[in-house]
N, C-alpha and C. Protein backbone atom coordinates (compact mmCIF):
# COMPACT_ATOMS: atom_id res chain seq x y z
N MET A 1 47.07 20.49 45.79
CA MET A 1 46.65 19.26 46.33
C MET A 1 45.09 19.31 46.52
N ALA A 2 44.50 20.46 46.81
CA ALA A 2 43.09 20.49 47.00
C ALA A 2 42.34 20.24 45.63
N PHE A 3 42.95 20.66 44.53
CA PHE A 3 42.29 20.34 43.27
C PHE A 3 42.30 18.96 43.11
N MET A 4 43.31 18.23 43.35
CA MET A 4 43.40 16.69 43.15
C MET A 4 42.41 15.98 44.01
N ASP A 5 42.09 16.57 45.20
CA ASP A 5 41.19 15.91 46.12
C ASP A 5 39.76 15.99 45.60
N GLN A 6 39.43 17.08 44.87
CA GLN A 6 38.23 17.37 44.34
C GLN A 6 37.93 16.83 42.92
N LEU A 7 38.99 16.41 42.29
CA LEU A 7 39.00 15.85 40.90
C LEU A 7 37.91 14.70 40.81
N PRO A 8 38.00 13.71 41.59
CA PRO A 8 36.97 12.65 41.41
C PRO A 8 35.48 13.17 41.56
N ALA A 9 35.23 14.09 42.56
CA ALA A 9 33.89 14.59 42.62
C ALA A 9 33.45 15.40 41.31
N LEU A 10 34.45 16.06 40.69
CA LEU A 10 34.21 16.81 39.54
C LEU A 10 33.95 15.93 38.28
N VAL A 11 34.73 14.86 38.24
CA VAL A 11 34.59 13.76 37.15
C VAL A 11 33.26 13.22 37.42
N GLY A 12 32.84 12.91 38.65
CA GLY A 12 31.46 12.30 38.83
C GLY A 12 30.40 13.19 38.31
N VAL A 13 30.44 14.55 38.63
CA VAL A 13 29.50 15.40 38.21
C VAL A 13 29.37 15.48 36.73
N ILE A 14 30.52 15.46 36.05
CA ILE A 14 30.52 15.58 34.62
C ILE A 14 30.01 14.32 34.04
N VAL A 15 30.28 13.10 34.56
CA VAL A 15 29.88 11.83 34.09
C VAL A 15 28.32 11.75 34.38
N GLY A 16 27.90 12.24 35.50
CA GLY A 16 26.48 12.16 35.85
C GLY A 16 25.66 13.07 34.90
N ALA A 17 26.12 14.27 34.67
CA ALA A 17 25.45 15.18 33.73
C ALA A 17 25.37 14.63 32.39
N ALA A 18 26.45 14.01 31.91
CA ALA A 18 26.48 13.41 30.57
C ALA A 18 25.48 12.18 30.54
N GLY A 19 25.48 11.49 31.53
CA GLY A 19 24.55 10.32 31.60
C GLY A 19 23.10 10.76 31.66
N SER A 20 22.80 11.73 32.47
CA SER A 20 21.49 12.25 32.59
C SER A 20 21.04 12.85 31.20
N TYR A 21 21.88 13.57 30.51
CA TYR A 21 21.54 14.12 29.22
C TYR A 21 21.27 13.04 28.19
N THR A 22 22.18 12.06 28.18
CA THR A 22 21.97 10.91 27.29
C THR A 22 20.68 10.16 27.50
N ALA A 23 20.44 9.92 28.83
CA ALA A 23 19.13 9.17 29.17
C ALA A 23 17.96 9.93 28.78
N SER A 24 17.93 11.26 29.00
CA SER A 24 16.70 12.00 28.70
C SER A 24 16.62 12.13 27.23
N SER A 25 17.76 12.28 26.45
CA SER A 25 17.64 12.38 24.96
C SER A 25 17.14 11.08 24.41
N LEU A 26 17.66 9.92 24.92
CA LEU A 26 17.06 8.64 24.47
C LEU A 26 15.58 8.53 24.74
N THR A 27 15.17 8.90 25.92
CA THR A 27 13.80 8.71 26.25
C THR A 27 12.95 9.61 25.42
N GLU A 28 13.39 10.90 25.24
CA GLU A 28 12.61 11.76 24.38
C GLU A 28 12.53 11.28 22.86
N ARG A 29 13.69 10.80 22.32
CA ARG A 29 13.60 10.22 21.06
C ARG A 29 12.73 9.05 20.87
N THR A 30 12.73 8.22 21.94
CA THR A 30 11.83 7.01 21.92
C THR A 30 10.35 7.47 21.90
N ARG A 31 10.10 8.41 22.82
CA ARG A 31 8.77 8.94 22.95
C ARG A 31 8.29 9.57 21.57
N TRP A 32 9.17 10.37 20.97
CA TRP A 32 8.84 10.96 19.67
C TRP A 32 8.58 9.87 18.57
N ARG A 33 9.34 8.84 18.50
CA ARG A 33 9.15 7.77 17.54
C ARG A 33 7.88 7.01 17.79
N ARG A 34 7.59 6.74 19.06
CA ARG A 34 6.38 6.10 19.40
C ARG A 34 5.07 6.98 18.98
N SER A 35 5.12 8.25 19.28
CA SER A 35 4.07 9.16 18.87
C SER A 35 4.04 9.29 17.41
N HIS A 36 5.10 9.28 16.67
CA HIS A 36 5.09 9.36 15.23
C HIS A 36 4.49 8.10 14.51
N ALA A 37 4.88 6.97 15.15
CA ALA A 37 4.30 5.66 14.63
C ALA A 37 2.82 5.53 14.89
N GLU A 38 2.31 6.09 16.10
CA GLU A 38 0.95 6.04 16.43
C GLU A 38 0.16 7.01 15.44
N ARG A 39 0.66 8.12 15.11
CA ARG A 39 0.03 8.98 14.17
C ARG A 39 -0.06 8.33 12.77
N TRP A 40 0.97 7.63 12.30
CA TRP A 40 0.92 7.09 11.03
C TRP A 40 -0.06 5.73 11.05
N ASP A 41 -0.05 5.04 12.12
CA ASP A 41 -1.01 4.05 12.22
C ASP A 41 -2.39 4.45 12.14
N GLN A 42 -2.72 5.57 12.80
CA GLN A 42 -4.06 6.17 12.74
C GLN A 42 -4.38 6.62 11.37
N GLN A 43 -3.40 7.27 10.70
CA GLN A 43 -3.53 7.66 9.36
C GLN A 43 -3.87 6.53 8.38
N ARG A 44 -3.07 5.50 8.53
CA ARG A 44 -3.20 4.20 7.63
C ARG A 44 -4.59 3.58 7.93
N PHE A 45 -4.96 3.60 9.15
CA PHE A 45 -6.26 2.96 9.49
C PHE A 45 -7.38 3.78 8.70
N GLN A 46 -7.35 5.07 8.95
CA GLN A 46 -8.36 5.96 8.31
C GLN A 46 -8.33 5.79 6.75
N THR A 47 -7.18 5.74 6.20
CA THR A 47 -7.01 5.63 4.80
C THR A 47 -7.61 4.25 4.24
N TYR A 48 -7.21 3.20 4.93
CA TYR A 48 -7.73 1.87 4.51
C TYR A 48 -9.26 1.78 4.78
N ALA A 49 -9.73 2.31 5.78
CA ALA A 49 -11.22 2.23 6.11
C ALA A 49 -11.99 3.13 5.10
N GLY A 50 -11.40 4.22 4.75
CA GLY A 50 -12.04 5.16 3.77
C GLY A 50 -12.04 4.57 2.41
N TYR A 51 -11.01 3.95 2.00
CA TYR A 51 -10.79 3.31 0.70
C TYR A 51 -11.92 2.16 0.67
N ALA A 52 -11.90 1.27 1.72
CA ALA A 52 -12.78 0.13 1.71
C ALA A 52 -14.24 0.66 1.70
N ASN A 53 -14.64 1.61 2.37
CA ASN A 53 -15.97 2.09 2.31
C ASN A 53 -16.40 2.61 0.94
N THR A 54 -15.44 3.34 0.41
CA THR A 54 -15.68 3.83 -0.99
C THR A 54 -15.88 2.78 -2.02
N LEU A 55 -15.00 1.79 -1.93
CA LEU A 55 -14.98 0.68 -2.97
C LEU A 55 -16.26 -0.13 -2.64
N LYS A 56 -16.70 -0.36 -1.46
CA LYS A 56 -17.88 -1.08 -1.10
C LYS A 56 -19.17 -0.36 -1.69
N ALA A 57 -19.09 1.01 -1.55
CA ALA A 57 -20.26 1.77 -2.14
C ALA A 57 -20.33 1.55 -3.67
N GLN A 58 -19.18 1.59 -4.24
CA GLN A 58 -19.13 1.43 -5.64
C GLN A 58 -19.64 0.01 -6.06
N LEU A 59 -19.18 -1.04 -5.33
CA LEU A 59 -19.67 -2.34 -5.56
C LEU A 59 -21.27 -2.41 -5.31
N ARG A 60 -21.69 -1.75 -4.24
CA ARG A 60 -23.20 -1.86 -3.98
C ARG A 60 -23.89 -1.22 -5.15
N ILE A 61 -23.52 -0.23 -5.77
CA ILE A 61 -24.18 0.40 -6.89
C ILE A 61 -24.13 -0.57 -8.02
N SER A 62 -23.06 -1.20 -8.25
CA SER A 62 -22.91 -2.18 -9.37
C SER A 62 -23.83 -3.43 -9.18
N LEU A 63 -23.95 -3.78 -7.91
CA LEU A 63 -24.80 -4.91 -7.58
C LEU A 63 -26.29 -4.57 -7.87
N ARG A 64 -26.66 -3.39 -7.41
CA ARG A 64 -28.03 -2.93 -7.61
C ARG A 64 -28.46 -2.67 -9.00
N ILE A 65 -27.50 -2.27 -9.81
CA ILE A 65 -27.72 -2.24 -11.35
C ILE A 65 -27.73 -3.61 -11.96
N GLY A 66 -26.88 -4.54 -11.45
CA GLY A 66 -26.86 -5.90 -11.87
C GLY A 66 -28.32 -6.48 -11.56
N ALA A 67 -28.82 -6.11 -10.38
CA ALA A 67 -30.14 -6.63 -10.01
C ALA A 67 -31.24 -6.22 -11.07
N ALA A 68 -31.11 -4.97 -11.49
CA ALA A 68 -32.07 -4.46 -12.43
C ALA A 68 -31.87 -5.20 -13.75
N ARG A 69 -30.70 -5.68 -14.07
CA ARG A 69 -30.43 -6.39 -15.29
C ARG A 69 -30.77 -7.84 -15.09
N GLY A 70 -31.27 -8.28 -13.94
CA GLY A 70 -31.62 -9.63 -13.82
C GLY A 70 -30.72 -10.65 -13.11
N PHE A 71 -29.57 -10.15 -12.52
CA PHE A 71 -28.73 -10.94 -11.80
C PHE A 71 -29.11 -11.12 -10.32
N ASP A 72 -28.75 -12.22 -9.73
CA ASP A 72 -29.02 -12.53 -8.28
C ASP A 72 -28.30 -11.76 -7.36
N HIS A 73 -28.74 -11.99 -6.03
CA HIS A 73 -28.00 -11.56 -4.85
C HIS A 73 -28.50 -10.08 -4.32
N VAL A 74 -29.25 -9.34 -5.11
CA VAL A 74 -29.61 -8.04 -4.52
C VAL A 74 -31.16 -7.91 -4.73
N VAL A 75 -31.85 -7.48 -3.71
CA VAL A 75 -33.27 -7.26 -3.85
C VAL A 75 -33.73 -5.85 -4.21
N ASP A 76 -32.80 -4.87 -4.11
CA ASP A 76 -33.29 -3.49 -4.35
C ASP A 76 -32.61 -2.97 -5.62
N PRO A 77 -33.16 -3.37 -6.91
CA PRO A 77 -32.58 -2.93 -8.09
C PRO A 77 -32.56 -1.41 -8.31
N LEU A 78 -31.55 -1.03 -9.08
CA LEU A 78 -31.40 0.36 -9.44
C LEU A 78 -31.48 0.56 -10.83
N ASP A 79 -32.30 1.49 -11.36
CA ASP A 79 -32.45 1.72 -12.83
C ASP A 79 -30.94 2.02 -13.37
N PRO A 80 -30.63 1.21 -14.38
CA PRO A 80 -29.34 1.40 -14.96
C PRO A 80 -29.03 2.86 -15.40
N ASP A 81 -30.04 3.66 -15.95
CA ASP A 81 -29.65 5.00 -16.29
C ASP A 81 -29.24 5.83 -15.09
N GLU A 82 -30.00 5.79 -14.02
CA GLU A 82 -29.65 6.45 -12.78
C GLU A 82 -28.36 5.87 -12.12
N GLY A 83 -28.30 4.53 -12.15
CA GLY A 83 -27.22 3.80 -11.52
C GLY A 83 -25.83 4.14 -12.14
N LEU A 84 -25.76 4.28 -13.53
CA LEU A 84 -24.54 4.52 -14.21
C LEU A 84 -23.98 5.83 -13.88
N GLN A 85 -24.80 6.80 -13.64
CA GLN A 85 -24.39 8.16 -13.17
C GLN A 85 -23.73 8.03 -11.77
N ARG A 86 -24.47 7.37 -10.84
CA ARG A 86 -23.96 7.16 -9.56
C ARG A 86 -22.64 6.39 -9.52
N LEU A 87 -22.58 5.40 -10.46
CA LEU A 87 -21.39 4.58 -10.56
C LEU A 87 -20.14 5.42 -10.99
N ALA A 88 -20.28 6.31 -11.94
CA ALA A 88 -19.26 7.24 -12.37
C ALA A 88 -18.76 8.06 -11.18
N GLU A 89 -19.71 8.54 -10.43
CA GLU A 89 -19.34 9.39 -9.24
C GLU A 89 -18.58 8.60 -8.28
N ALA A 90 -19.10 7.40 -7.94
CA ALA A 90 -18.40 6.47 -7.06
C ALA A 90 -16.99 6.12 -7.54
N GLU A 91 -16.80 5.97 -8.85
CA GLU A 91 -15.51 5.70 -9.32
C GLU A 91 -14.53 6.80 -9.10
N SER A 92 -15.05 7.98 -9.30
CA SER A 92 -14.17 9.18 -9.08
C SER A 92 -13.75 9.26 -7.54
N ARG A 93 -14.69 9.02 -6.60
CA ARG A 93 -14.39 9.02 -5.24
C ARG A 93 -13.36 7.90 -4.87
N ARG A 94 -13.51 6.70 -5.54
CA ARG A 94 -12.60 5.66 -5.26
C ARG A 94 -11.25 6.02 -5.82
N ALA A 95 -11.14 6.65 -6.95
CA ALA A 95 -9.82 7.03 -7.56
C ALA A 95 -9.10 7.99 -6.70
N ALA A 96 -9.89 8.92 -6.10
CA ALA A 96 -9.27 9.95 -5.12
C ALA A 96 -8.74 9.22 -3.86
N GLU A 97 -9.56 8.29 -3.36
CA GLU A 97 -9.13 7.62 -2.09
C GLU A 97 -7.93 6.66 -2.43
N TRP A 98 -7.81 6.11 -3.66
CA TRP A 98 -6.73 5.36 -4.02
C TRP A 98 -5.34 6.05 -3.98
N GLU A 99 -5.38 7.28 -4.28
CA GLU A 99 -4.13 8.07 -4.14
C GLU A 99 -3.56 7.98 -2.65
N SER A 100 -4.46 8.15 -1.70
CA SER A 100 -4.07 8.00 -0.32
C SER A 100 -3.54 6.67 0.03
N VAL A 101 -4.16 5.60 -0.50
CA VAL A 101 -3.59 4.24 -0.22
C VAL A 101 -2.24 4.09 -0.79
N LEU A 102 -2.05 4.65 -2.02
CA LEU A 102 -0.71 4.62 -2.63
C LEU A 102 0.37 5.34 -1.65
N LEU A 103 -0.05 6.31 -1.02
CA LEU A 103 0.92 7.14 -0.18
C LEU A 103 1.22 6.46 1.14
N VAL A 104 0.27 5.89 1.78
CA VAL A 104 0.52 5.36 3.18
C VAL A 104 0.60 3.83 3.24
N GLY A 105 0.11 3.12 2.18
CA GLY A 105 0.04 1.69 2.28
C GLY A 105 1.37 1.06 2.05
N ASP A 106 1.56 -0.15 2.67
CA ASP A 106 2.69 -1.04 2.37
C ASP A 106 2.43 -1.72 1.11
N ALA A 107 3.40 -2.33 0.50
CA ALA A 107 3.45 -2.92 -0.77
C ALA A 107 2.28 -3.95 -0.89
N SER A 108 2.30 -4.89 0.12
CA SER A 108 1.29 -5.98 0.00
C SER A 108 -0.21 -5.44 0.13
N THR A 109 -0.35 -4.35 0.96
CA THR A 109 -1.74 -3.92 1.07
C THR A 109 -2.12 -3.20 -0.19
N VAL A 110 -1.27 -2.43 -0.85
CA VAL A 110 -1.54 -1.71 -1.97
C VAL A 110 -1.78 -2.71 -3.17
N ALA A 111 -1.08 -3.83 -3.21
CA ALA A 111 -1.40 -4.83 -4.19
C ALA A 111 -2.78 -5.49 -3.99
N ALA A 112 -3.09 -5.75 -2.71
CA ALA A 112 -4.36 -6.34 -2.42
C ALA A 112 -5.50 -5.34 -2.79
N ALA A 113 -5.35 -4.06 -2.39
CA ALA A 113 -6.23 -3.06 -2.81
C ALA A 113 -6.54 -3.02 -4.31
N ARG A 114 -5.45 -3.11 -5.02
CA ARG A 114 -5.55 -3.07 -6.46
C ARG A 114 -6.27 -4.28 -7.05
N MET A 115 -6.08 -5.46 -6.41
CA MET A 115 -6.70 -6.67 -6.81
C MET A 115 -8.26 -6.43 -6.49
N TRP A 116 -8.60 -5.85 -5.42
CA TRP A 116 -9.98 -5.73 -4.98
C TRP A 116 -10.71 -4.76 -5.98
N HIS A 117 -10.09 -3.56 -6.26
CA HIS A 117 -10.81 -2.71 -7.21
C HIS A 117 -10.96 -3.26 -8.63
N GLU A 118 -9.91 -4.06 -9.03
CA GLU A 118 -9.98 -4.77 -10.37
C GLU A 118 -11.17 -5.73 -10.33
N ALA A 119 -11.29 -6.46 -9.21
CA ALA A 119 -12.45 -7.39 -9.12
C ALA A 119 -13.77 -6.65 -9.18
N VAL A 120 -13.84 -5.53 -8.54
CA VAL A 120 -15.07 -4.68 -8.57
C VAL A 120 -15.36 -4.22 -9.98
N TRP A 121 -14.27 -3.85 -10.70
CA TRP A 121 -14.47 -3.42 -12.09
C TRP A 121 -15.05 -4.59 -12.87
N ALA A 122 -14.58 -5.89 -12.63
CA ALA A 122 -15.18 -6.94 -13.37
C ALA A 122 -16.76 -7.09 -13.05
N VAL A 123 -17.20 -6.79 -11.92
CA VAL A 123 -18.61 -6.76 -11.59
C VAL A 123 -19.28 -5.59 -12.34
N GLU A 124 -18.57 -4.57 -12.45
CA GLU A 124 -19.12 -3.33 -13.17
C GLU A 124 -19.37 -3.59 -14.63
N LEU A 125 -18.57 -4.55 -15.24
CA LEU A 125 -18.91 -4.91 -16.64
C LEU A 125 -20.25 -5.38 -16.86
N TYR A 126 -20.74 -6.18 -15.81
CA TYR A 126 -22.10 -6.72 -15.82
C TYR A 126 -23.09 -5.54 -15.64
N ALA A 127 -22.85 -4.74 -14.65
CA ALA A 127 -23.73 -3.62 -14.35
C ALA A 127 -23.87 -2.63 -15.59
N ARG A 128 -22.77 -2.49 -16.37
CA ARG A 128 -22.85 -1.71 -17.55
C ARG A 128 -23.44 -2.25 -18.77
N GLY A 129 -23.77 -3.59 -18.68
CA GLY A 129 -24.39 -4.33 -19.75
C GLY A 129 -23.41 -4.86 -20.78
N LEU A 130 -22.10 -4.83 -20.38
CA LEU A 130 -21.03 -5.25 -21.37
C LEU A 130 -20.87 -6.85 -21.24
N LYS A 131 -21.26 -7.50 -20.16
CA LYS A 131 -21.35 -8.81 -20.01
C LYS A 131 -22.72 -9.24 -19.47
N ASP A 132 -23.14 -10.43 -19.74
CA ASP A 132 -24.52 -10.86 -19.44
C ASP A 132 -24.61 -12.35 -18.92
N ASP A 133 -23.57 -13.02 -18.83
CA ASP A 133 -23.63 -14.50 -18.44
C ASP A 133 -23.70 -14.67 -16.91
N PRO A 134 -24.74 -15.31 -16.46
CA PRO A 134 -24.96 -15.49 -14.99
C PRO A 134 -23.88 -16.27 -14.25
N THR A 135 -23.24 -17.11 -14.93
CA THR A 135 -22.12 -17.92 -14.40
C THR A 135 -20.84 -16.96 -14.20
N GLY A 136 -20.63 -16.10 -15.03
CA GLY A 136 -19.57 -15.13 -14.98
C GLY A 136 -19.85 -14.08 -13.86
N TRP A 137 -21.11 -13.82 -13.74
CA TRP A 137 -21.53 -12.89 -12.64
C TRP A 137 -21.17 -13.57 -11.34
N GLU A 138 -21.49 -14.77 -11.13
CA GLU A 138 -21.29 -15.45 -9.91
C GLU A 138 -19.83 -15.61 -9.60
N SER A 139 -19.01 -15.77 -10.65
CA SER A 139 -17.55 -15.91 -10.55
C SER A 139 -16.94 -14.55 -10.16
N ALA A 140 -17.51 -13.44 -10.72
CA ALA A 140 -16.99 -12.12 -10.53
C ALA A 140 -17.28 -11.68 -8.99
N LEU A 141 -18.44 -12.09 -8.57
CA LEU A 141 -18.83 -11.80 -7.10
C LEU A 141 -17.91 -12.56 -6.18
N LYS A 142 -17.62 -13.79 -6.57
CA LYS A 142 -16.72 -14.67 -5.67
C LYS A 142 -15.23 -14.01 -5.62
N ARG A 143 -14.79 -13.59 -6.82
CA ARG A 143 -13.49 -12.98 -6.87
C ARG A 143 -13.39 -11.70 -6.03
N THR A 144 -14.58 -10.92 -6.08
CA THR A 144 -14.64 -9.66 -5.28
C THR A 144 -14.63 -10.05 -3.81
N SER A 145 -15.20 -10.99 -3.39
CA SER A 145 -15.20 -11.32 -1.92
C SER A 145 -13.74 -11.78 -1.52
N GLN A 146 -13.17 -12.70 -2.37
CA GLN A 146 -11.80 -13.13 -2.03
C GLN A 146 -10.83 -11.96 -2.03
N ALA A 147 -10.93 -11.02 -3.00
CA ALA A 147 -10.12 -9.94 -3.00
C ALA A 147 -10.32 -8.97 -1.77
N ARG A 148 -11.57 -8.83 -1.36
CA ARG A 148 -11.85 -8.03 -0.21
C ARG A 148 -11.15 -8.70 1.06
N ASP A 149 -11.35 -9.94 1.15
CA ASP A 149 -10.76 -10.71 2.31
C ASP A 149 -9.22 -10.51 2.29
N ALA A 150 -8.57 -10.59 1.17
CA ALA A 150 -7.13 -10.44 1.03
C ALA A 150 -6.67 -9.03 1.47
N PHE A 151 -7.56 -7.99 0.99
CA PHE A 151 -7.21 -6.61 1.34
C PHE A 151 -7.28 -6.45 2.85
N TYR A 152 -8.32 -6.94 3.43
CA TYR A 152 -8.45 -6.75 4.88
C TYR A 152 -7.37 -7.48 5.67
N ALA A 153 -6.92 -8.72 5.28
CA ALA A 153 -5.86 -9.37 5.84
C ALA A 153 -4.57 -8.60 5.79
N CYS A 154 -4.27 -7.99 4.61
CA CYS A 154 -3.02 -7.27 4.44
C CYS A 154 -3.09 -6.00 5.35
N ALA A 155 -4.20 -5.32 5.27
CA ALA A 155 -4.30 -4.07 5.96
C ALA A 155 -4.30 -4.35 7.50
N ARG A 156 -4.84 -5.37 8.00
CA ARG A 156 -4.80 -5.77 9.41
C ARG A 156 -3.38 -6.03 9.82
N ARG A 157 -2.61 -6.79 8.96
CA ARG A 157 -1.30 -7.09 9.30
C ARG A 157 -0.33 -5.75 9.24
N ASP A 158 -0.61 -4.84 8.28
CA ASP A 158 0.06 -3.58 8.33
C ASP A 158 -0.14 -2.72 9.47
N LEU A 159 -1.46 -2.84 10.03
CA LEU A 159 -1.81 -2.01 11.31
C LEU A 159 -1.39 -2.65 12.52
N GLY A 160 -0.83 -3.92 12.46
CA GLY A 160 -0.49 -4.64 13.63
C GLY A 160 -1.71 -5.32 14.42
N ILE A 161 -2.73 -5.63 13.70
CA ILE A 161 -3.90 -6.16 14.33
C ILE A 161 -3.77 -7.70 14.15
N GLU A 162 -3.76 -8.36 15.18
CA GLU A 162 -3.60 -9.78 15.22
C GLU A 162 -4.77 -10.63 14.70
N GLY A 163 -4.56 -11.69 13.98
CA GLY A 163 -5.63 -12.53 13.57
C GLY A 163 -6.22 -12.03 12.23
N PRO A 164 -6.65 -13.05 11.50
CA PRO A 164 -7.37 -12.69 10.20
C PRO A 164 -8.72 -12.16 10.48
N PRO A 165 -9.24 -11.38 9.48
CA PRO A 165 -10.71 -11.02 9.58
C PRO A 165 -11.50 -12.20 9.33
N PRO A 166 -12.85 -12.22 9.67
CA PRO A 166 -13.66 -13.37 9.35
C PRO A 166 -13.87 -13.43 7.68
N PRO A 167 -13.83 -14.53 7.15
CA PRO A 167 -13.94 -14.55 5.66
C PRO A 167 -15.42 -14.13 5.25
N SER A 168 -15.43 -13.55 4.08
CA SER A 168 -16.75 -13.10 3.59
C SER A 168 -17.76 -14.31 3.48
N GLY A 169 -18.93 -14.04 3.96
CA GLY A 169 -19.95 -15.05 3.84
C GLY A 169 -19.82 -16.30 4.68
N ASN A 170 -18.97 -16.31 5.67
CA ASN A 170 -18.69 -17.37 6.57
C ASN A 170 -19.11 -17.09 7.97
N TRP A 171 -20.44 -16.85 8.00
CA TRP A 171 -20.88 -16.47 9.41
C TRP A 171 -21.32 -17.69 10.13
N PRO A 172 -21.32 -17.54 11.52
CA PRO A 172 -21.76 -18.70 12.28
C PRO A 172 -23.10 -19.12 11.96
N ARG A 173 -23.39 -20.40 12.05
CA ARG A 173 -24.74 -20.84 11.75
C ARG A 173 -25.85 -20.27 12.65
N SER A 174 -25.56 -19.92 13.82
CA SER A 174 -26.44 -19.47 14.80
C SER A 174 -26.77 -17.92 14.55
N TRP A 175 -25.98 -17.18 13.67
CA TRP A 175 -26.20 -15.90 13.50
C TRP A 175 -27.46 -15.60 12.56
N LYS A 176 -28.28 -14.69 13.02
CA LYS A 176 -29.48 -14.33 12.28
C LYS A 176 -29.43 -12.78 12.09
N PRO A 177 -29.74 -12.31 10.94
CA PRO A 177 -29.90 -10.84 10.71
C PRO A 177 -30.97 -10.19 11.66
N SER A 178 -30.76 -8.94 11.86
CA SER A 178 -31.66 -8.06 12.53
C SER A 178 -31.91 -8.58 14.01
N GLY A 179 -30.97 -9.18 14.59
CA GLY A 179 -31.02 -9.56 15.97
C GLY A 179 -32.02 -10.71 16.37
N GLU A 180 -32.52 -11.44 15.31
CA GLU A 180 -33.37 -12.55 15.47
C GLU A 180 -32.76 -13.48 16.36
N PRO A 181 -33.44 -14.37 17.20
CA PRO A 181 -32.92 -15.40 17.99
C PRO A 181 -32.37 -16.47 17.01
N ALA A 182 -31.36 -17.03 17.49
CA ALA A 182 -30.77 -18.20 16.75
C ALA A 182 -31.60 -19.40 16.71
């Protein structure tokens, strides 16, 4: 009879222990998943930022060579002989960064990144002297800006950052470079 009197307490202890174990397991699993997601978000951010900076450096070299070839929009021309060597090095860095984007990027961001570097390659054709029409140069620059905007929009969405980035070249009228008053 004594065992039967203690049975409800024993069942209560067993149920309490099982509930405590289940709750702590679920809490720990949730904590691990959150930590894992934060690490991957940080990795994706670094990968996207690194790729963007590398591609922008490649574009900047192309623009400077283009300026030496007589195209508009850049005031510090770069001698094509020197520039083409820099351009080859920049392309190698971009290709290495691209592999990281392929590993951590979601499908839409990878597609946008591909469109952006293909648009930069179109500008490179002018820098390399393979194309020379000013209208095409302007069009290539516009496509590059649009592709950049699309990449940043996709990357921000993948990283969970709300709102679109400001479009290229769409600065407020009151903004002045170098901190000049509006």
